């Protein structure tokens, strides 16, 4: 049985656990879920190097 050491471990920003900055909504009386989702999307897009045009499409969904 292969050990976990047989596979290369990820490195760089994508290997770090994602943590949303708690200060980003601490001052507001009620957090806006849409704004929170957009901040998380922006952070994820930066980590994976998402193309700016694709990010802009994802930031503004049509409802």
Protein backbone atom coordinates (compact mmCIF):
# COMPACT_ATOMS: atom_id res chain seq x y z
CA UNK A 1 0.00 0.00 0.00
CA UNK A 2 1.48 3.39 -1.00
CA UNK A 3 2.14 5.85 1.76
CA UNK A 4 1.11 9.50 1.66
CA UNK A 5 4.77 10.34 1.06
CA UNK A 6 4.62 8.70 -2.39
CA UNK A 7 2.70 11.66 -3.83
CA UNK A 8 4.04 15.20 -4.19
CA UNK A 9 2.52 17.59 -1.71
CA UNK A 10 0.93 20.81 -3.00
CA UNK A 11 2.83 23.99 -2.34
CA UNK A 12 2.20 27.68 -2.77
CA UNK A 13 -0.94 29.73 -2.06
CA UNK A 14 -3.34 26.98 -3.16
CA UNK A 15 -1.89 24.63 -0.53
CA UNK A 16 -2.77 27.01 2.29
CA UNK A 17 -6.21 26.63 3.89
CA UNK A 18 -8.67 29.32 2.87
CA UNK A 19 -9.87 31.50 5.75
CA UNK A 20 -12.25 34.40 5.23
CA UNK A 21 -11.09 37.48 7.06
CA UNK A 22 -13.41 37.84 10.06
CA UNK A 23 -12.81 41.60 10.14
CA UNK A 24 -14.48 42.05 6.76
CA UNK A 25 -17.98 41.85 8.25
CA UNK A 26 -17.27 42.58 11.91
CA UNK A 27 -18.34 46.23 11.69
CA UNK A 28 -21.66 45.64 9.97
CA UNK A 29 -24.87 44.97 11.84
CA UNK A 30 -25.87 42.27 9.36
CA UNK A 31 -23.59 40.60 6.82
CA UNK A 32 -24.73 40.68 3.20
CA UNK A 33 -24.47 37.11 1.83
CA UNK A 34 -23.99 38.32 -1.76
CA UNK A 35 -21.06 40.55 -0.79
CA UNK A 36 -19.54 37.72 1.26
CA UNK A 37 -19.84 35.35 -1.71
CA UNK A 38 -18.19 37.89 -4.03
CA UNK A 39 -15.26 38.36 -1.63
CA UNK A 40 -14.82 34.60 -1.42
CA UNK A 41 -15.02 34.31 -5.22
CA UNK A 42 -12.37 37.03 -5.62
CA UNK A 43 -10.06 35.26 -3.16
CA UNK A 44 -10.53 31.89 -4.86
CA UNK A 45 -10.01 33.42 -8.31
CA UNK A 46 -6.71 34.92 -7.18
CA UNK A 47 -5.55 31.59 -5.77
CA UNK A 48 -6.27 29.66 -8.96
CA UNK A 49 -5.27 32.46 -11.34
CA UNK A 50 -8.70 32.78 -12.94
CA UNK A 51 -8.85 34.95 -16.06
CA UNK A 52 -10.20 38.44 -15.29
CA UNK A 53 -12.92 38.21 -17.96
CA UNK A 54 -14.21 34.91 -16.56
CA UNK A 55 -14.13 36.34 -13.04
CA UNK A 56 -16.21 39.32 -14.12
CA UNK A 57 -18.82 37.00 -15.65
CA UNK A 58 -18.99 34.98 -12.43
CA UNK A 59 -19.17 38.05 -10.17
CA UNK A 60 -22.44 39.29 -11.67
CA UNK A 61 -24.83 36.35 -12.16
CA UNK A 62 -28.08 36.94 -13.98
CA UNK A 63 -31.12 36.06 -11.98
